[in-house]
Amino acid sequence: MRAPEKHPAVDAEIKAAAAWYEERCPGLGDQFVEAVRAMVRSVQRTPLRYAIRFEDLRRANLTRFPYSVWFFVHGDGVYILAVLHHKRDQRALLEVRRPTA
């Protein structure tokens, strides 16, 4: 499967969350980034393993952090729509970001 595509806001979300964790405990921000990268690799390898939550959007929960990688299968790859904290209004944000056909 080809490399995942990402919504333009995804990198900023990851960076902001990593900075928040880093402020609280040095090194934790890097661990968060690595956890996201590992989950994206897993999503890339086996995207259908993750449950559909809204329409065709799938969610892959990080194990150590209260965040999820939201994505959908697009052709022979995946499109990462967001990396969101579990307390955010996920459905509303995802509806705004979801590209229209």
PDB file of N, CA and C in Angstrom:
ATOM      1  N   MET A   1       0.852  -1.176   0.000  1.00  0.00           N
ATOM      2  CA  MET A   1       0.000   0.000   0.000  1.00  0.00           C
ATOM      3  C   MET A   1       0.900   1.242   0.000  1.00  0.00           C
ATOM      4  N   ARG A   2       0.458   2.250  -0.715  1.00  0.00           N
ATOM      5  CA  ARG A   2       1.278   3.463  -0.823  1.00  0.00           C
ATOM      6  C   ARG A   2       1.230   4.287   0.464  1.00  0.00           C
ATOM      7  N   ALA A   3       2.108   5.257   0.549  1.00  0.00           N
ATOM      8  CA  ALA A   3       2.201   6.105   1.747  1.00  0.00           C
ATOM      9  C   ALA A   3       0.889   6.855   1.964  1.00  0.00           C
ATOM     10  N   PRO A   4       0.489   7.015   3.219  1.00  0.00           N
ATOM     11  CA  PRO A   4      -0.765   7.722   3.493  1.00  0.00           C
ATOM     12  C   PRO A   4      -0.681   9.195   3.117  1.00  0.00           C
ATOM     13  N   GLU A   5      -1.810   9.730   2.662  1.00  0.00           N
ATOM     14  CA  GLU A   5      -1.939  11.165   2.464  1.00  0.00           C
ATOM     15  C   GLU A   5      -2.503  11.725   3.757  1.00  0.00           C
ATOM     16  N   LYS A   6      -2.307  13.048   3.980  1.00  0.00           N
ATOM     17  CA  LYS A   6      -2.776  13.664   5.217  1.00  0.00           C
ATOM     18  C   LYS A   6      -3.494  14.969   4.937  1.00  0.00           C
ATOM     19  N   HIS A   7      -4.490  15.235   5.750  1.00  0.00           N
ATOM     20  CA  HIS A   7      -5.121  16.549   5.746  1.00  0.00           C
ATOM     21  C   HIS A   7      -4.058  17.556   6.190  1.00  0.00           C
ATOM     22  N   PRO A   8      -4.062  18.770   5.654  1.00  0.00           N
ATOM     23  CA  PRO A   8      -3.036  19.762   6.018  1.00  0.00           C
ATOM     24  C   PRO A   8      -2.949  20.076   7.513  1.00  0.00           C
ATOM     25  N   ALA A   9      -4.010  19.886   8.266  1.00  0.00           N
ATOM     26  CA  ALA A   9      -3.994  20.217   9.698  1.00  0.00           C
ATOM     27  C   ALA A   9      -3.383  19.126  10.577  1.00  0.00           C
ATOM     28  N   VAL A  10      -3.152  17.948  10.040  1.00  0.00           N
ATOM     29  CA  VAL A  10      -2.685  16.822  10.854  1.00  0.00           C
ATOM     30  C   VAL A  10      -1.333  17.095  11.498  1.00  0.00           C
ATOM     31  N   ASP A  11      -0.376  17.590  10.733  1.00  0.00           N
ATOM     32  CA  ASP A  11       0.954  17.839  11.298  1.00  0.00           C
ATOM     33  C   ASP A  11       0.896  18.864  12.431  1.00  0.00           C
ATOM     34  N   ALA A  12       0.071  19.890  12.286  1.00  0.00           N
ATOM     35  CA  ALA A  12      -0.070  20.898  13.339  1.00  0.00           C
ATOM     36  C   ALA A  12      -0.697  20.295  14.595  1.00  0.00           C
ATOM     37  N   GLU A  13      -1.657  19.399  14.428  1.00  0.00           N
ATOM     38  CA  GLU A  13      -2.276  18.730  15.582  1.00  0.00           C
ATOM     39  C   GLU A  13      -1.248  17.904  16.350  1.00  0.00           C
ATOM     40  N   ILE A  14      -0.452  17.170  15.610  1.00  0.00           N
ATOM     41  CA  ILE A  14       0.562  16.320  16.238  1.00  0.00           C
ATOM     42  C   ILE A  14       1.588  17.190  16.957  1.00  0.00           C
ATOM     43  N   LYS A  15       2.019  18.242  16.303  1.00  0.00           N
ATOM     44  CA  LYS A  15       3.019  19.140  16.884  1.00  0.00           C
ATOM     45  C   LYS A  15       2.497  19.795  18.165  1.00  0.00           C
ATOM     46  N   ALA A  16       1.251  20.261  18.155  1.00  0.00           N
ATOM     47  CA  ALA A  16       0.670  20.915  19.335  1.00  0.00           C
ATOM     48  C   ALA A  16       0.547  19.936  20.503  1.00  0.00           C
ATOM     49  N   ALA A  17       0.081  18.734  20.224  1.00  0.00           N
ATOM     50  CA  ALA A  17      -0.049  17.742  21.290  1.00  0.00           C
ATOM     51  C   ALA A  17       1.315  17.339  21.831  1.00  0.00           C
ATOM     52  N   ALA A  18       2.288  17.164  20.951  1.00  0.00           N
ATOM     53  CA  ALA A  18       3.639  16.809  21.388  1.00  0.00           C
ATOM     54  C   ALA A  18       4.235  17.913  22.267  1.00  0.00           C
ATOM     55  N   ALA A  19       4.016  19.164  21.906  1.00  0.00           N
ATOM     56  CA  ALA A  19       4.519  20.284  22.709  1.00  0.00           C
ATOM     57  C   ALA A  19       3.867  20.284  24.093  1.00  0.00           C
ATOM     58  N   TRP A  20       2.571  19.997  24.153  1.00  0.00           N
ATOM     59  CA  TRP A  20       1.863  19.951  25.434  1.00  0.00           C
ATOM     60  C   TRP A  20       2.457  18.870  26.330  1.00  0.00           C
ATOM     61  N   TYR A  21       2.675  17.680  25.771  1.00  0.00           N
ATOM     62  CA  TYR A  21       3.266  16.585  26.549  1.00  0.00           C
ATOM     63  C   TYR A  21       4.710  16.908  26.950  1.00  0.00           C
ATOM     64  N   GLU A  22       5.444  17.523  26.067  1.00  0.00           N
ATOM     65  CA  GLU A  22       6.852  17.847  26.339  1.00  0.00           C
ATOM     66  C   GLU A  22       6.975  18.846  27.489  1.00  0.00           C
ATOM     67  N   GLU A  23       6.045  19.802  27.571  1.00  0.00           N
ATOM     68  CA  GLU A  23       6.053  20.775  28.669  1.00  0.00           C
ATOM     69  C   GLU A  23       5.863  20.092  30.017  1.00  0.00           C
ATOM     70  N   ARG A  24       5.090  19.047  30.040  1.00  0.00           N
ATOM     71  CA  ARG A  24       4.789  18.364  31.286  1.00  0.00           C
ATOM     72  C   ARG A  24       5.872  17.374  31.704  1.00  0.00           C
ATOM     73  N   CYS A  25       6.518  16.774  30.721  1.00  0.00           N
ATOM     74  CA  CYS A  25       7.556  15.788  31.022  1.00  0.00           C
ATOM     75  C   CYS A  25       8.513  15.706  29.835  1.00  0.00           C
ATOM     76  N   PRO A  26       9.748  16.181  30.000  1.00  0.00           N
ATOM     77  CA  PRO A  26      10.701  16.132  28.896  1.00  0.00           C
ATOM     78  C   PRO A  26      10.835  14.715  28.326  1.00  0.00           C
ATOM     79  N   GLY A  27      10.757  14.627  27.023  1.00  0.00           N
ATOM     80  CA  GLY A  27      10.847  13.345  26.336  1.00  0.00           C
ATOM     81  C   GLY A  27       9.495  12.739  25.998  1.00  0.00           C
ATOM     82  N   LEU A  28       8.460  13.148  26.718  1.00  0.00           N
ATOM     83  CA  LEU A  28       7.132  12.578  26.481  1.00  0.00           C
ATOM     84  C   LEU A  28       6.560  13.031  25.140  1.00  0.00           C
ATOM     85  N   GLY A  29       6.900  14.227  24.715  1.00  0.00           N
ATOM     86  CA  GLY A  29       6.454  14.709  23.409  1.00  0.00           C
ATOM     87  C   GLY A  29       6.984  13.831  22.287  1.00  0.00           C
ATOM     88  N   ASP A  30       8.262  13.466  22.381  1.00  0.00           N
ATOM     89  CA  ASP A  30       8.853  12.578  21.366  1.00  0.00           C
ATOM     90  C   ASP A  30       8.183  11.206  21.395  1.00  0.00           C
ATOM     91  N   GLN A  31       7.834  10.732  22.586  1.00  0.00           N
ATOM     92  CA  GLN A  31       7.159   9.439  22.700  1.00  0.00           C
ATOM     93  C   GLN A  31       5.768   9.494  22.062  1.00  0.00           C
ATOM     94  N   PHE A  32       5.102  10.636  22.229  1.00  0.00           N
ATOM     95  CA  PHE A  32       3.794  10.805  21.598  1.00  0.00           C
ATOM     96  C   PHE A  32       3.936  10.753  20.076  1.00  0.00           C
ATOM     97  N   VAL A  33       4.895  11.488  19.541  1.00  0.00           N
ATOM     98  CA  VAL A  33       5.098  11.513  18.085  1.00  0.00           C
ATOM     99  C   VAL A  33       5.396  10.104  17.576  1.00  0.00           C
ATOM    100  N   GLU A  34       6.218   9.370  18.281  1.00  0.00           N
ATOM    101  CA  GLU A  34       6.544   8.006  17.856  1.00  0.00           C
ATOM    102  C   GLU A  34       5.311   7.102  17.930  1.00  0.00           C
ATOM    103  N   ALA A  35       4.464   7.287  18.936  1.00  0.00           N
ATOM    104  CA  ALA A  35       3.229   6.491  19.036  1.00  0.00           C
ATOM    105  C   ALA A  35       2.312   6.777  17.853  1.00  0.00           C
ATOM    106  N   VAL A  36       2.217   8.041  17.446  1.00  0.00           N
ATOM    107  CA  VAL A  36       1.397   8.393  16.282  1.00  0.00           C
ATOM    108  C   VAL A  36       1.993   7.771  15.024  1.00  0.00           C
ATOM    109  N   ARG A  37       3.294   7.880  14.856  1.00  0.00           N
ATOM    110  CA  ARG A  37       3.943   7.293  13.669  1.00  0.00           C
ATOM    111  C   ARG A  37       3.717   5.787  13.596  1.00  0.00           C
ATOM    112  N   ALA A  38       3.840   5.113  14.740  1.00  0.00           N
ATOM    113  CA  ALA A  38       3.632   3.668  14.776  1.00  0.00           C
ATOM    114  C   ALA A  38       2.197   3.322  14.395  1.00  0.00           C
ATOM    115  N   MET A  39       1.239   4.106  14.883  1.00  0.00           N
ATOM    116  CA  MET A  39      -0.161   3.842  14.544  1.00  0.00           C
ATOM    117  C   MET A  39      -0.421   4.096  13.062  1.00  0.00           C
ATOM    118  N   VAL A  40       0.173   5.130  12.512  1.00  0.00           N
ATOM    119  CA  VAL A  40      -0.002   5.408  11.080  1.00  0.00           C
ATOM    120  C   VAL A  40       0.582   4.250  10.256  1.00  0.00           C
ATOM    121  N   ARG A  41       1.717   3.708  10.674  1.00  0.00           N
ATOM    122  CA  ARG A  41       2.286   2.546   9.970  1.00  0.00           C
ATOM    123  C   ARG A  41       1.323   1.354  10.041  1.00  0.00           C
ATOM    124  N   SER A  42       0.729   1.143  11.202  1.00  0.00           N
ATOM    125  CA  SER A  42      -0.226   0.049  11.362  1.00  0.00           C
ATOM    126  C   SER A  42      -1.452   0.252  10.475  1.00  0.00           C
ATOM    127  N   VAL A  43      -1.951   1.476  10.453  1.00  0.00           N
ATOM    128  CA  VAL A  43      -3.098   1.820   9.608  1.00  0.00           C
ATOM    129  C   VAL A  43      -2.750   1.593   8.139  1.00  0.00           C
ATOM    130  N   GLN A  44      -1.552   1.945   7.764  1.00  0.00           N
ATOM    131  CA  GLN A  44      -1.116   1.783   6.372  1.00  0.00           C
ATOM    132  C   GLN A  44      -1.059   0.292   5.998  1.00  0.00           C
ATOM    133  N   ARG A  45      -0.559  -0.528   6.907  1.00  0.00           N
ATOM    134  CA  ARG A  45      -0.421  -1.963   6.620  1.00  0.00           C
ATOM    135  C   ARG A  45      -1.771  -2.683   6.587  1.00  0.00           C
ATOM    136  N   THR A  46      -2.629  -2.389   7.568  1.00  0.00           N
ATOM    137  CA  THR A  46      -3.895  -3.120   7.698  1.00  0.00           C
ATOM    138  C   THR A  46      -5.052  -2.169   8.010  1.00  0.00           C
ATOM    139  N   PRO A  47      -5.432  -1.332   7.067  1.00  0.00           N
ATOM    140  CA  PRO A  47      -6.459  -0.322   7.348  1.00  0.00           C
ATOM    141  C   PRO A  47      -7.832  -0.903   7.676  1.00  0.00           C
ATOM    142  N   LEU A  48      -8.176  -2.040   7.112  1.00  0.00           N
ATOM    143  CA  LEU A  48      -9.507  -2.599   7.334  1.00  0.00           C
ATOM    144  C   LEU A  48      -9.651  -3.239   8.717  1.00  0.00           C
ATOM    145  N   ARG A  49      -8.563  -3.334   9.427  1.00  0.00           N
ATOM    146  CA  ARG A  49      -8.579  -3.874  10.797  1.00  0.00           C
ATOM    147  C   ARG A  49      -9.325  -2.944  11.755  1.00  0.00           C
ATOM    148  N   TYR A  50      -9.370  -1.677  11.428  1.00  0.00           N
ATOM    149  CA  TYR A  50      -9.933  -0.671  12.328  1.00  0.00           C
ATOM    150  C   TYR A  50     -11.401  -0.419  11.996  1.00  0.00           C
ATOM    151  N   ALA A  51     -12.188  -0.279  13.040  1.00  0.00           N
ATOM    152  CA  ALA A  51     -13.641  -0.163  12.893  1.00  0.00           C
ATOM    153  C   ALA A  51     -14.059   1.149  12.239  1.00  0.00           C
ATOM    154  N   ILE A  52     -15.129   1.059  11.473  1.00  0.00           N
ATOM    155  CA  ILE A  52     -15.755   2.250  10.913  1.00  0.00           C
ATOM    156  C   ILE A  52     -16.572   2.900  12.024  1.00  0.00           C
ATOM    157  N   ARG A  53     -16.395   4.212  12.181  1.00  0.00           N
ATOM    158  CA  ARG A  53     -17.114   4.935  13.236  1.00  0.00           C
ATOM    159  C   ARG A  53     -18.208   5.839  12.670  1.00  0.00           C
ATOM    160  N   PHE A  54     -17.911   6.609  11.651  1.00  0.00           N
ATOM    161  CA  PHE A  54     -18.877   7.501  11.019  1.00  0.00           C
ATOM    162  C   PHE A  54     -18.763   7.301   9.511  1.00  0.00           C
ATOM    163  N   GLU A  55     -19.855   6.941   8.871  1.00  0.00           N
ATOM    164  CA  GLU A  55     -19.879   6.695   7.433  1.00  0.00           C
ATOM    165  C   GLU A  55     -18.736   5.752   7.057  1.00  0.00           C
ATOM    166  N   ASP A  56     -17.694   6.254   6.377  1.00  0.00           N
ATOM    167  CA  ASP A  56     -16.557   5.402   6.015  1.00  0.00           C
ATOM    168  C   ASP A  56     -15.294   5.778   6.798  1.00  0.00           C
ATOM    169  N   LEU A  57     -15.438   6.605   7.823  1.00  0.00           N
ATOM    170  CA  LEU A  57     -14.282   7.034   8.625  1.00  0.00           C
ATOM    171  C   LEU A  57     -13.955   5.984   9.677  1.00  0.00           C
ATOM    172  N   ARG A  58     -12.680   5.672   9.755  1.00  0.00           N
ATOM    173  CA  ARG A  58     -12.191   4.670  10.704  1.00  0.00           C
ATOM    174  C   ARG A  58     -11.367   5.349  11.789  1.00  0.00           C
ATOM    175  N   ARG A  59     -11.327   4.711  12.954  1.00  0.00           N
ATOM    176  CA  ARG A  59     -10.587   5.265  14.090  1.00  0.00           C
ATOM    177  C   ARG A  59      -9.612   4.222  14.610  1.00  0.00           C
ATOM    178  N   ALA A  60      -8.367   4.661  14.798  1.00  0.00           N
ATOM    179  CA  ALA A  60      -7.331   3.821  15.391  1.00  0.00           C
ATOM    180  C   ALA A  60      -6.853   4.521  16.665  1.00  0.00           C
ATOM    181  N   ASN A  61      -7.157   3.930  17.813  1.00  0.00           N
ATOM    182  CA  ASN A  61      -6.805   4.530  19.097  1.00  0.00           C
ATOM    183  C   ASN A  61      -5.350   4.250  19.460  1.00  0.00           C
ATOM    184  N   LEU A  62      -4.660   5.288  19.926  1.00  0.00           N
ATOM    185  CA  LEU A  62      -3.332   5.078  20.479  1.00  0.00           C
ATOM    186  C   LEU A  62      -3.495   4.359  21.817  1.00  0.00           C
ATOM    187  N   THR A  63      -2.553   3.535  22.180  1.00  0.00           N
ATOM    188  CA  THR A  63      -2.705   2.785  23.430  1.00  0.00           C
ATOM    189  C   THR A  63      -2.271   3.580  24.655  1.00  0.00           C
ATOM    190  N   ARG A  64      -1.246   4.371  24.536  1.00  0.00           N
ATOM    191  CA  ARG A  64      -0.700   5.074  25.703  1.00  0.00           C
ATOM    192  C   ARG A  64      -1.274   6.471  25.895  1.00  0.00           C
ATOM    193  N   PHE A  65      -1.747   7.068  24.845  1.00  0.00           N
ATOM    194  CA  PHE A  65      -2.225   8.453  24.885  1.00  0.00           C
ATOM    195  C   PHE A  65      -3.708   8.483  24.502  1.00  0.00           C
ATOM    196  N   PRO A  66      -4.471   9.437  25.051  1.00  0.00           N
ATOM    197  CA  PRO A  66      -5.907   9.507  24.740  1.00  0.00           C
ATOM    198  C   PRO A  66      -6.180  10.206  23.405  1.00  0.00           C
ATOM    199  N   TYR A  67      -5.597   9.684  22.357  1.00  0.00           N
ATOM    200  CA  TYR A  67      -5.718  10.234  21.007  1.00  0.00           C
ATOM    201  C   TYR A  67      -6.084   9.126  20.040  1.00  0.00           C
ATOM    202  N   SER A  68      -6.696   9.536  18.937  1.00  0.00           N
ATOM    203  CA  SER A  68      -7.050   8.609  17.868  1.00  0.00           C
ATOM    204  C   SER A  68      -6.582   9.165  16.538  1.00  0.00           C
ATOM    205  N   VAL A  69      -6.213   8.252  15.651  1.00  0.00           N
ATOM    206  CA  VAL A  69      -5.913   8.596  14.267  1.00  0.00           C
ATOM    207  C   VAL A  69      -7.176   8.283  13.479  1.00  0.00           C
ATOM    208  N   TRP A  70      -7.738   9.299  12.851  1.00  0.00           N
ATOM    209  CA  TRP A  70      -8.961   9.164  12.046  1.00  0.00           C
ATOM    210  C   TRP A  70      -8.567   9.135  10.578  1.00  0.00           C
ATOM    211  N   PHE A  71      -9.122   8.183   9.826  1.00  0.00           N
ATOM    212  CA  PHE A  71      -8.725   8.021   8.436  1.00  0.00           C
ATOM    213  C   PHE A  71      -9.831   7.341   7.643  1.00  0.00           C
ATOM    214  N   PHE A  72      -9.667   7.355   6.332  1.00  0.00           N
ATOM    215  CA  PHE A  72     -10.529   6.555   5.465  1.00  0.00           C
ATOM    216  C   PHE A  72      -9.672   5.946   4.370  1.00  0.00           C
ATOM    217  N   VAL A  73     -10.144   4.821   3.851  1.00  0.00           N
ATOM    218  CA  VAL A  73      -9.446   4.130   2.770  1.00  0.00           C
ATOM    219  C   VAL A  73      -9.796   4.852   1.477  1.00  0.00           C
ATOM    220  N   HIS A  74      -8.745   5.125   0.710  1.00  0.00           N
ATOM    221  CA  HIS A  74      -8.909   5.889  -0.527  1.00  0.00           C
ATOM    222  C   HIS A  74      -8.106   5.188  -1.618  1.00  0.00           C
ATOM    223  N   GLY A  75      -8.798   4.492  -2.501  1.00  0.00           N
ATOM    224  CA  GLY A  75      -8.098   3.746  -3.553  1.00  0.00           C
ATOM    225  C   GLY A  75      -7.229   2.664  -2.941  1.00  0.00           C
ATOM    226  N   ASP A  76      -5.932   2.707  -3.257  1.00  0.00           N
ATOM    227  CA  ASP A  76      -5.009   1.715  -2.706  1.00  0.00           C
ATOM    228  C   ASP A  76      -4.213   2.269  -1.527  1.00  0.00           C
ATOM    229  N   GLY A  77      -4.726   3.314  -0.894  1.00  0.00           N
ATOM    230  CA  GLY A  77      -4.043   3.905   0.248  1.00  0.00           C
ATOM    231  C   GLY A  77      -5.033   4.410   1.276  1.00  0.00           C
ATOM    232  N   VAL A  78      -4.499   5.140   2.223  1.00  0.00           N
ATOM    233  CA  VAL A  78      -5.344   5.727   3.257  1.00  0.00           C
ATOM    234  C   VAL A  78      -5.116   7.230   3.292  1.00  0.00           C
ATOM    235  N   TYR A  79      -6.126   7.934   3.762  1.00  0.00           N
ATOM    236  CA  TYR A  79      -6.058   9.377   3.923  1.00  0.00           C
ATOM    237  C   TYR A  79      -6.275   9.657   5.399  1.00  0.00           C
ATOM    238  N   ILE A  80      -5.264  10.235   6.056  1.00  0.00           N
ATOM    239  CA  ILE A  80      -5.350  10.582   7.474  1.00  0.00           C
ATOM    240  C   ILE A  80      -6.076  11.919   7.566  1.00  0.00           C
ATOM    241  N   LEU A  81      -7.212  11.903   8.200  1.00  0.00           N
ATOM    242  CA  LEU A  81      -8.036  13.093   8.297  1.00  0.00           C
ATOM    243  C   LEU A  81      -7.707  13.923   9.537  1.00  0.00           C
ATOM    244  N   ALA A  82      -7.366  13.237  10.650  1.00  0.00           N
ATOM    245  CA  ALA A  82      -7.101  13.970  11.894  1.00  0.00           C
ATOM    246  C   ALA A  82      -6.418  13.069  12.910  1.00  0.00           C
ATOM    247  N   VAL A  83      -5.738  13.713  13.857  1.00  0.00           N
ATOM    248  CA  VAL A  83      -5.221  13.060  15.060  1.00  0.00           C
ATOM    249  C   VAL A  83      -5.806  13.871  16.208  1.00  0.00           C
ATOM    250  N   LEU A  84      -6.818  13.286  16.877  1.00  0.00           N
ATOM    251  CA  LEU A  84      -7.610  14.052  17.837  1.00  0.00           C
ATOM    252  C   LEU A  84      -7.610  13.441  19.231  1.00  0.00           C
ATOM    253  N   HIS A  85      -7.640  14.328  20.222  1.00  0.00           N
ATOM    254  CA  HIS A  85      -7.820  13.919  21.611  1.00  0.00           C
ATOM    255  C   HIS A  85      -9.235  13.367  21.758  1.00  0.00           C
ATOM    256  N   HIS A  86      -9.400  12.395  22.614  1.00  0.00           N
ATOM    257  CA  HIS A  86     -10.708  11.764  22.789  1.00  0.00           C
ATOM    258  C   HIS A  86     -11.774  12.710  23.333  1.00  0.00           C
ATOM    259  N   LYS A  87     -11.390  13.786  23.994  1.00  0.00           N
ATOM    260  CA  LYS A  87     -12.361  14.721  24.564  1.00  0.00           C
ATOM    261  C   LYS A  87     -12.851  15.773  23.564  1.00  0.00           C
ATOM    262  N   ARG A  88     -12.245  15.838  22.403  1.00  0.00           N
ATOM    263  CA  ARG A  88     -12.674  16.824  21.388  1.00  0.00           C
ATOM    264  C   ARG A  88     -13.990  16.395  20.764  1.00  0.00           C
ATOM    265  N   ASP A  89     -14.682  17.341  20.174  1.00  0.00           N
ATOM    266  CA  ASP A  89     -15.906  17.041  19.431  1.00  0.00           C
ATOM    267  C   ASP A  89     -15.474  16.480  18.084  1.00  0.00           C
ATOM    268  N   GLN A  90     -15.216  15.211  18.070  1.00  0.00           N
ATOM    269  CA  GLN A  90     -14.612  14.576  16.910  1.00  0.00           C
ATOM    270  C   GLN A  90     -15.525  14.596  15.687  1.00  0.00           C
ATOM    271  N   ARG A  91     -16.769  14.260  15.884  1.00  0.00           N
ATOM    272  CA  ARG A  91     -17.674  14.167  14.735  1.00  0.00           C
ATOM    273  C   ARG A  91     -17.789  15.505  14.002  1.00  0.00           C
ATOM    274  N   ALA A  92     -17.963  16.596  14.742  1.00  0.00           N
ATOM    275  CA  ALA A  92     -18.116  17.916  14.107  1.00  0.00           C
ATOM    276  C   ALA A  92     -16.861  18.298  13.328  1.00  0.00           C
ATOM    277  N   LEU A  93     -15.697  18.097  13.920  1.00  0.00           N
ATOM    278  CA  LEU A  93     -14.446  18.444  13.247  1.00  0.00           C
ATOM    279  C   LEU A  93     -14.231  17.577  12.010  1.00  0.00           C
ATOM    280  N   LEU A  94     -14.525  16.307  12.124  1.00  0.00           N
ATOM    281  CA  LEU A  94     -14.332  15.402  10.992  1.00  0.00           C
ATOM    282  C   LEU A  94     -15.272  15.732   9.842  1.00  0.00           C
ATOM    283  N   GLU A  95     -16.501  16.128  10.153  1.00  0.00           N
ATOM    284  CA  GLU A  95     -17.444  16.494   9.101  1.00  0.00           C
ATOM    285  C   GLU A  95     -16.958  17.706   8.317  1.00  0.00           C
ATOM    286  N   VAL A  96     -16.332  18.650   9.004  1.00  0.00           N
ATOM    287  CA  VAL A  96     -15.812  19.841   8.330  1.00  0.00           C
ATOM    288  C   VAL A  96     -14.630  19.469   7.432  1.00  0.00           C
ATOM    289  N   ARG A  97     -13.793  18.562   7.890  1.00  0.00           N
ATOM    290  CA  ARG A  97     -12.578  18.208   7.147  1.00  0.00           C
ATOM    291  C   ARG A  97     -12.808  17.207   6.027  1.00  0.00           C
ATOM    292  N   ARG A  98     -13.840  16.443   6.119  1.00  0.00           N
ATOM    293  CA  ARG A  98     -14.054  15.368   5.153  1.00  0.00           C
ATOM    294  C   ARG A  98     -14.211  15.943   3.756  1.00  0.00           C
ATOM    295  N   PRO A  99     -13.348  15.537   2.820  1.00  0.00           N
ATOM    296  CA  PRO A  99     -13.498  16.028   1.456  1.00  0.00           C
ATOM    297  C   PRO A  99     -14.789  15.502   0.827  1.00  0.00           C
ATOM    298  N   THR A 100     -15.374  16.306  -0.002  1.00  0.00           N
ATOM    299  CA  THR A 100     -16.568  15.864  -0.708  1.00  0.00           C
ATOM    300  C   THR A 100     -16.163  15.197  -2.014  1.00  0.00           C
ATOM    301  N   ALA A 101     -16.981  14.272  -2.441  1.00  0.00           N
ATOM    302  CA  ALA A 101     -16.679  13.534  -3.675  1.00  0.00           C
ATOM    303  C   ALA A 101     -16.808  14.430  -4.837  1.00  0.00           C
TER     304      ALA A 101
END
